[in-house]
């Protein structure tokens, strides 16, 4: 396949046709390298200096940094190359074949968020023959939908370096300056099996889990009382008791029980401190019930993100889009870009309502306005 950069629709079609599911379950998880290599070929053909960086500890996963121009500042247009798993039987078309219908592009990743790359590249094409005073960087990351290993690796390595970053997640081109964090945690209880006719023969993990649930509900209520941010539609941190599994028969003392929950902290709340708080609250229950209680993070977690409401990039995005900057409850790679020292917003075409859904789509009428806005941003921050 030629590296020559094609038109926007062809780029989108080829990206959608290249599977790159990331998932914590090994039987779903795929490499993102074919997508990264597609982007690298197109961008290098356009004159970008490109670097494919393997993500240490994650075989088959890589980030791409593509840079046009040089200088100490500049603008990053960032997206992730992976998609969530999919239910092919629930799609009305092939998830990996771009379908143009009803003024929409259908396909897995059109909205979240492979569709951002052809739009960003189309905006960049206008500046290929101009001398940039500050660099334009197109960044493509790995595993946003699972571990965020790509963004974490970049933050650890200290690159890319720029002054501003736009993460093109689907927000309907409304700038987002703040979002909650995300934690997925497990509580595991090991008791002792025995005949149900005599409770003294065992240690019931389900009995202990009943008290664990009570402690977590109390913790949720305390967080609601002690932490509020009126900028969010749901102003308090949330804790969702997601799934529970335990026991094997009614006439056996339950020897093992597991709970998994989701916690969405507000900006200013430390993920490590929250984990320590939960562990401290649950520790006394081990002795009370004669069981072993362990807690585990199912993935490292996403810190909450908060930019200044009046930062230069936020004000610029508001002026260009006509929308007031807002907050969202879902997590993104924004805190990792911010860790690199960049004035960061989340803003991209499409709706989060279409993300992670069968028949995912990107509406035609989102594309040209997004290209135009990105062109103005490149002009302002790179020329």
Foldseek 3Di string as FASTA:
>chain_A
DALAADALVVQLLVLLLDAQADAPDPVGGDALVVVLVSLVSHLVNLPWDKDWAAQPPDPRFTKMKTKDAADQAEEEEEAESHAHDDDCVPFPDGQSGWDCDPQWTWHTQCQRHSVVSSLLVLLCSVCSPPHWPHMYIYMYFYDFVYFSSGLVSCLVVLDDGHAAYEYAHADQQAKAFWEWWKFKKKKKKFKFKDFQVDVVGIFARVVLVVVLVVLVVVVQVVQQVVFADVLDPSTTKDKAFDDKDWDDDPGMRIGMMMTMMMITHGPPDDPVVVVVVSCVSSVVSCVVRVIDMDMDTPYPIGHIGHADLPDPVQVLSCVLPVHRHGYDHDDGSFVSVVSSVYRYIYGHFDHPVLGPDHRRIGRNVRRPSSSVSSSVVNVVRTD
